[in-house]
């Protein structure tokens, strides 16, 4: 039997800048919602909704400690993003190499008075 699909994929989850900030914040430590809210100029409800999207994408794990829920980063799903971006590094490297060659040729032309 296949594992259930996440409700949100990693790409959808990190598309929002607030969720990216949440991931950064949670990368250092596990935190309860009340502490997380202090870092954002949005309501607790809005923070909870963002955390739910991240949780449904598998990017954060939650656990109950007494009456509070604590959240922490689960970086494993980010491997999908890393792998996708790694494919495009080839294009970036080619463009940067071409730019470097262009700049070097312009420098040598200006040194030769051209």
N, C-alpha and C. Protein backbone atom coordinates (compact mmCIF):
# COMPACT_ATOMS: atom_id res chain seq x y z
N UNK A 1 0.83 -1.18 0.00
CA UNK A 1 0.00 0.00 0.00
C UNK A 1 0.88 1.25 0.00
N UNK A 2 0.60 2.20 -0.86
CA UNK A 2 1.41 3.43 -0.99
C UNK A 2 1.16 4.36 0.18
N UNK A 3 2.16 5.15 0.49
CA UNK A 3 2.03 6.16 1.55
C UNK A 3 1.08 7.24 1.08
N UNK A 4 0.30 7.83 1.99
CA UNK A 4 -0.62 8.89 1.59
C UNK A 4 0.14 10.10 1.08
N UNK A 5 -0.40 10.75 0.07
CA UNK A 5 0.22 11.94 -0.49
C UNK A 5 0.03 13.13 0.43
N UNK A 6 1.02 13.99 0.47
CA UNK A 6 0.92 15.22 1.25
C UNK A 6 -0.13 16.12 0.62
N UNK A 7 -0.82 16.88 1.45
CA UNK A 7 -1.84 17.80 0.93
C UNK A 7 -1.21 18.96 0.19
N UNK A 8 -0.01 19.35 0.58
CA UNK A 8 0.72 20.44 -0.07
C UNK A 8 2.09 19.92 -0.44
N UNK A 9 2.56 20.29 -1.63
CA UNK A 9 3.91 19.86 -1.96
C UNK A 9 4.91 20.90 -1.43
N UNK A 10 6.16 20.51 -1.45
CA UNK A 10 7.23 21.35 -0.91
C UNK A 10 7.28 22.70 -1.63
N UNK A 11 7.10 22.68 -2.94
CA UNK A 11 7.19 23.91 -3.73
C UNK A 11 6.07 24.88 -3.37
N UNK A 12 4.86 24.37 -3.17
CA UNK A 12 3.74 25.22 -2.74
C UNK A 12 4.03 25.79 -1.35
N UNK A 13 4.53 24.94 -0.49
CA UNK A 13 4.75 25.35 0.90
C UNK A 13 5.79 26.46 1.02
N UNK A 14 6.85 26.38 0.25
CA UNK A 14 7.91 27.40 0.39
C UNK A 14 7.67 28.61 -0.50
N UNK A 15 6.59 28.60 -1.28
CA UNK A 15 6.30 29.73 -2.17
C UNK A 15 6.01 31.00 -1.39
N UNK A 16 5.53 30.88 -0.19
CA UNK A 16 5.15 32.04 0.62
C UNK A 16 6.33 32.49 1.47
N UNK A 17 6.66 33.80 1.45
CA UNK A 17 7.80 34.29 2.23
C UNK A 17 7.65 34.10 3.74
N UNK A 18 6.43 34.17 4.25
CA UNK A 18 6.23 33.95 5.69
C UNK A 18 6.57 32.52 6.05
N UNK A 19 6.19 31.58 5.21
CA UNK A 19 6.50 30.18 5.50
C UNK A 19 8.01 29.92 5.40
N UNK A 20 8.67 30.59 4.47
CA UNK A 20 10.14 30.45 4.40
C UNK A 20 10.77 30.99 5.67
N UNK A 21 10.25 32.10 6.17
CA UNK A 21 10.77 32.67 7.43
C UNK A 21 10.50 31.73 8.60
N UNK A 22 9.35 31.10 8.60
CA UNK A 22 9.03 30.13 9.65
C UNK A 22 10.03 28.97 9.64
N UNK A 23 10.35 28.49 8.45
CA UNK A 23 11.32 27.39 8.35
C UNK A 23 12.68 27.80 8.90
N UNK A 24 13.11 29.02 8.58
CA UNK A 24 14.39 29.51 9.11
C UNK A 24 14.35 29.58 10.63
N UNK A 25 13.27 30.12 11.15
CA UNK A 25 13.12 30.26 12.60
C UNK A 25 13.16 28.89 13.28
N UNK A 26 12.49 27.93 12.69
CA UNK A 26 12.40 26.60 13.30
C UNK A 26 13.62 25.73 13.02
N UNK A 27 14.53 26.21 12.21
CA UNK A 27 15.73 25.42 11.91
C UNK A 27 16.67 25.36 13.10
N UNK A 28 16.56 26.33 13.99
CA UNK A 28 17.47 26.39 15.14
C UNK A 28 16.94 25.69 16.38
N UNK A 29 15.61 25.63 16.49
CA UNK A 29 15.05 25.06 17.72
C UNK A 29 13.58 24.73 17.55
N UNK A 30 13.11 23.85 18.40
CA UNK A 30 11.68 23.54 18.49
C UNK A 30 11.01 24.67 19.27
N UNK A 31 9.83 25.11 18.79
CA UNK A 31 9.17 26.24 19.44
C UNK A 31 7.66 26.05 19.51
N UNK A 32 7.03 26.57 20.57
CA UNK A 32 5.56 26.58 20.62
C UNK A 32 5.01 27.74 19.80
N UNK A 33 3.75 27.64 19.43
CA UNK A 33 3.12 28.68 18.61
C UNK A 33 3.22 30.05 19.26
N UNK A 34 3.04 30.13 20.56
CA UNK A 34 3.09 31.43 21.23
C UNK A 34 4.43 32.12 21.03
N UNK A 35 5.52 31.36 21.09
CA UNK A 35 6.85 31.94 20.88
C UNK A 35 7.06 32.28 19.41
N UNK A 36 6.55 31.46 18.51
CA UNK A 36 6.69 31.72 17.07
C UNK A 36 5.99 33.01 16.71
N UNK A 37 4.81 33.22 17.26
CA UNK A 37 4.00 34.41 16.94
C UNK A 37 4.71 35.72 17.24
N UNK A 38 5.58 35.70 18.23
CA UNK A 38 6.30 36.92 18.61
C UNK A 38 7.25 37.41 17.52
N UNK A 39 7.55 36.56 16.56
CA UNK A 39 8.49 36.90 15.49
C UNK A 39 7.80 37.41 14.22
N UNK A 40 6.47 37.46 14.22
CA UNK A 40 5.73 37.82 13.01
C UNK A 40 4.64 38.85 13.31
N UNK A 41 4.44 39.78 12.39
CA UNK A 41 3.42 40.82 12.59
C UNK A 41 2.04 40.37 12.08
N UNK A 42 1.71 39.09 12.30
CA UNK A 42 0.42 38.56 11.87
C UNK A 42 -0.24 37.86 13.05
N UNK A 43 -1.50 37.54 12.89
CA UNK A 43 -2.24 36.93 14.00
C UNK A 43 -1.78 35.50 14.27
N UNK A 44 -2.12 35.04 15.44
CA UNK A 44 -1.82 33.65 15.81
C UNK A 44 -2.52 32.68 14.87
N UNK A 45 -3.73 33.03 14.47
CA UNK A 45 -4.48 32.19 13.53
C UNK A 45 -3.74 32.08 12.20
N UNK A 46 -3.20 33.20 11.71
CA UNK A 46 -2.46 33.20 10.45
C UNK A 46 -1.19 32.35 10.58
N UNK A 47 -0.48 32.49 11.69
CA UNK A 47 0.73 31.68 11.92
C UNK A 47 0.35 30.20 11.94
N UNK A 48 -0.73 29.86 12.60
CA UNK A 48 -1.18 28.47 12.67
C UNK A 48 -1.52 27.92 11.29
N UNK A 49 -2.12 28.74 10.45
CA UNK A 49 -2.44 28.29 9.10
C UNK A 49 -1.17 28.02 8.30
N UNK A 50 -0.19 28.91 8.44
CA UNK A 50 1.09 28.70 7.76
C UNK A 50 1.76 27.42 8.26
N UNK A 51 1.74 27.21 9.56
CA UNK A 51 2.33 26.00 10.13
C UNK A 51 1.61 24.75 9.64
N UNK A 52 0.30 24.83 9.46
CA UNK A 52 -0.47 23.70 8.97
C UNK A 52 -0.03 23.34 7.53
N UNK A 53 0.16 24.36 6.68
CA UNK A 53 0.62 24.11 5.31
C UNK A 53 2.00 23.44 5.34
N UNK A 54 2.90 23.95 6.17
CA UNK A 54 4.23 23.37 6.28
C UNK A 54 4.17 21.94 6.81
N UNK A 55 3.30 21.71 7.76
CA UNK A 55 3.13 20.37 8.32
C UNK A 55 2.58 19.40 7.28
N UNK A 56 1.60 19.86 6.51
CA UNK A 56 0.99 19.00 5.48
C UNK A 56 1.98 18.68 4.36
N UNK A 57 2.98 19.53 4.17
CA UNK A 57 4.03 19.28 3.19
C UNK A 57 5.16 18.45 3.80
N UNK A 58 5.07 18.17 5.10
CA UNK A 58 6.09 17.39 5.78
C UNK A 58 7.33 18.17 6.17
N UNK A 59 7.25 19.51 6.10
CA UNK A 59 8.41 20.35 6.38
C UNK A 59 8.57 20.70 7.86
N UNK A 60 7.52 20.56 8.63
CA UNK A 60 7.63 20.73 10.08
C UNK A 60 6.94 19.56 10.76
N UNK A 61 7.46 19.23 11.90
CA UNK A 61 6.86 18.19 12.75
C UNK A 61 6.30 18.88 13.98
N UNK A 62 5.22 18.37 14.45
CA UNK A 62 4.63 18.93 15.66
C UNK A 62 4.51 17.84 16.71
N UNK A 63 4.61 18.26 17.97
CA UNK A 63 4.40 17.33 19.08
C UNK A 63 3.77 18.07 20.23
N UNK A 64 2.95 17.36 20.95
CA UNK A 64 2.28 17.93 22.11
C UNK A 64 3.18 17.81 23.33
N UNK A 65 3.29 18.90 24.05
CA UNK A 65 4.00 18.93 25.33
C UNK A 65 3.04 19.58 26.30
N UNK A 66 2.37 18.77 27.09
CA UNK A 66 1.32 19.29 27.96
C UNK A 66 0.18 19.83 27.11
N UNK A 67 -0.16 21.09 27.31
CA UNK A 67 -1.26 21.70 26.56
C UNK A 67 -0.80 22.43 25.31
N UNK A 68 0.51 22.55 25.11
CA UNK A 68 0.99 23.30 23.95
C UNK A 68 1.52 22.37 22.87
N UNK A 69 1.48 22.87 21.66
CA UNK A 69 2.04 22.15 20.52
C UNK A 69 3.33 22.83 20.13
N UNK A 70 4.37 22.05 19.99
CA UNK A 70 5.68 22.58 19.60
C UNK A 70 5.99 22.12 18.18
N UNK A 71 6.67 23.00 17.45
CA UNK A 71 7.01 22.74 16.05
C UNK A 71 8.51 22.77 15.86
N UNK A 72 8.98 21.95 14.93
CA UNK A 72 10.40 21.97 14.57
C UNK A 72 10.52 21.64 13.08
N UNK A 73 11.61 22.09 12.49
CA UNK A 73 11.89 21.85 11.09
C UNK A 73 12.11 20.37 10.83
N UNK A 74 11.55 19.88 9.74
CA UNK A 74 11.85 18.54 9.24
C UNK A 74 12.44 18.74 7.84
N UNK A 75 13.78 18.77 7.73
CA UNK A 75 14.42 19.16 6.48
C UNK A 75 14.39 18.13 5.35
N UNK A 76 14.05 16.89 5.65
CA UNK A 76 14.12 15.83 4.64
C UNK A 76 13.38 16.17 3.34
N UNK A 77 12.16 16.71 3.38
CA UNK A 77 11.48 17.03 2.11
C UNK A 77 12.18 18.09 1.28
N UNK A 78 13.08 18.85 1.87
CA UNK A 78 13.81 19.87 1.12
C UNK A 78 14.78 19.25 0.13
N UNK A 79 15.08 17.96 0.28
CA UNK A 79 15.95 17.27 -0.66
C UNK A 79 15.32 17.31 -2.06
N UNK A 80 14.00 17.19 -2.13
CA UNK A 80 13.31 17.27 -3.43
C UNK A 80 13.61 18.61 -4.10
N UNK A 81 13.55 19.67 -3.34
CA UNK A 81 13.84 21.01 -3.86
C UNK A 81 15.30 21.12 -4.28
N UNK A 82 16.19 20.63 -3.44
CA UNK A 82 17.62 20.67 -3.74
C UNK A 82 17.92 19.92 -5.04
N UNK A 83 17.34 18.75 -5.20
CA UNK A 83 17.57 17.96 -6.41
C UNK A 83 17.06 18.68 -7.64
N UNK A 84 15.91 19.32 -7.52
CA UNK A 84 15.33 20.04 -8.65
C UNK A 84 16.23 21.22 -9.03
N UNK A 85 16.68 21.97 -8.04
CA UNK A 85 17.55 23.12 -8.31
C UNK A 85 18.92 22.70 -8.84
N UNK A 86 19.40 21.55 -8.38
CA UNK A 86 20.72 21.08 -8.80
C UNK A 86 20.76 20.89 -10.32
N UNK A 87 19.68 20.45 -10.91
CA UNK A 87 19.62 20.28 -12.35
C UNK A 87 19.90 21.60 -13.07
N UNK A 88 19.37 22.70 -12.52
CA UNK A 88 19.50 24.01 -13.16
C UNK A 88 20.83 24.69 -12.88
N UNK A 89 21.62 24.17 -11.94
CA UNK A 89 22.94 24.74 -11.68
C UNK A 89 23.81 24.71 -12.91
N UNK A 90 23.66 23.69 -13.74
CA UNK A 90 24.42 23.59 -14.97
C UNK A 90 24.22 24.83 -15.84
N UNK A 91 22.99 25.29 -15.94
CA UNK A 91 22.70 26.47 -16.74
C UNK A 91 23.32 27.72 -16.13
N UNK A 92 23.25 27.83 -14.79
CA UNK A 92 23.83 28.98 -14.11
C UNK A 92 25.34 28.99 -14.32
N UNK A 93 25.96 27.82 -14.16
CA UNK A 93 27.42 27.74 -14.32
C UNK A 93 27.82 28.11 -15.74
N UNK A 94 27.05 27.65 -16.74
CA UNK A 94 27.35 28.00 -18.13
C UNK A 94 27.23 29.50 -18.35
N UNK A 95 26.18 30.11 -17.82
CA UNK A 95 25.98 31.56 -17.99
C UNK A 95 27.08 32.34 -17.27
N UNK A 96 27.42 31.92 -16.06
CA UNK A 96 28.48 32.62 -15.33
C UNK A 96 29.82 32.46 -16.02
N UNK A 97 30.08 31.27 -16.57
CA UNK A 97 31.32 31.06 -17.32
C UNK A 97 31.38 31.95 -18.55
N UNK A 98 30.25 32.06 -19.28
CA UNK A 98 30.20 32.92 -20.46
C UNK A 98 30.41 34.38 -20.08
N UNK A 99 29.80 34.80 -18.97
CA UNK A 99 29.99 36.17 -18.50
C UNK A 99 31.45 36.42 -18.15
N UNK A 100 32.08 35.48 -17.48
CA UNK A 100 33.49 35.62 -17.12
C UNK A 100 34.37 35.74 -18.35
N UNK A 101 34.12 34.91 -19.34
CA UNK A 101 34.91 34.98 -20.59
C UNK A 101 34.68 36.32 -21.29
N UNK A 102 33.45 36.80 -21.31
CA UNK A 102 33.13 38.08 -21.93
C UNK A 102 33.87 39.22 -21.23
N UNK A 103 33.81 39.22 -19.89
CA UNK A 103 34.48 40.28 -19.13
C UNK A 103 36.00 40.23 -19.33
N UNK A 104 36.56 39.04 -19.36
CA UNK A 104 38.00 38.90 -19.58
C UNK A 104 38.39 39.40 -20.97
N UNK A 105 37.57 39.09 -21.97
CA UNK A 105 37.90 39.55 -23.33
C UNK A 105 37.79 41.08 -23.42
N UNK A 106 36.83 41.68 -22.73
CA UNK A 106 36.70 43.14 -22.73
C UNK A 106 37.88 43.79 -22.01
N UNK A 107 38.34 43.16 -20.92
CA UNK A 107 39.50 43.69 -20.21
C UNK A 107 40.74 43.66 -21.09
N UNK A 108 40.95 42.56 -21.80
CA UNK A 108 42.15 42.47 -22.64
C UNK A 108 42.03 43.41 -23.85
N UNK A 109 40.81 43.64 -24.36
CA UNK A 109 40.63 44.59 -25.47
C UNK A 109 40.93 46.01 -25.02
N UNK A 110 40.50 46.38 -23.83
CA UNK A 110 40.74 47.76 -23.36
C UNK A 110 42.22 47.96 -22.99
N UNK A 111 42.90 46.91 -22.57
CA UNK A 111 44.33 47.02 -22.29
C UNK A 111 45.13 47.20 -23.58
N UNK A 112 44.65 46.64 -24.67
CA UNK A 112 45.32 46.73 -25.95
C UNK A 112 44.89 47.95 -26.74
N UNK A 113 44.08 48.82 -26.13
CA UNK A 113 43.65 50.04 -26.76
C UNK A 113 42.52 49.85 -27.77
N UNK A 114 41.84 48.75 -27.67
CA UNK A 114 40.75 48.49 -28.61
C UNK A 114 39.43 48.88 -28.05
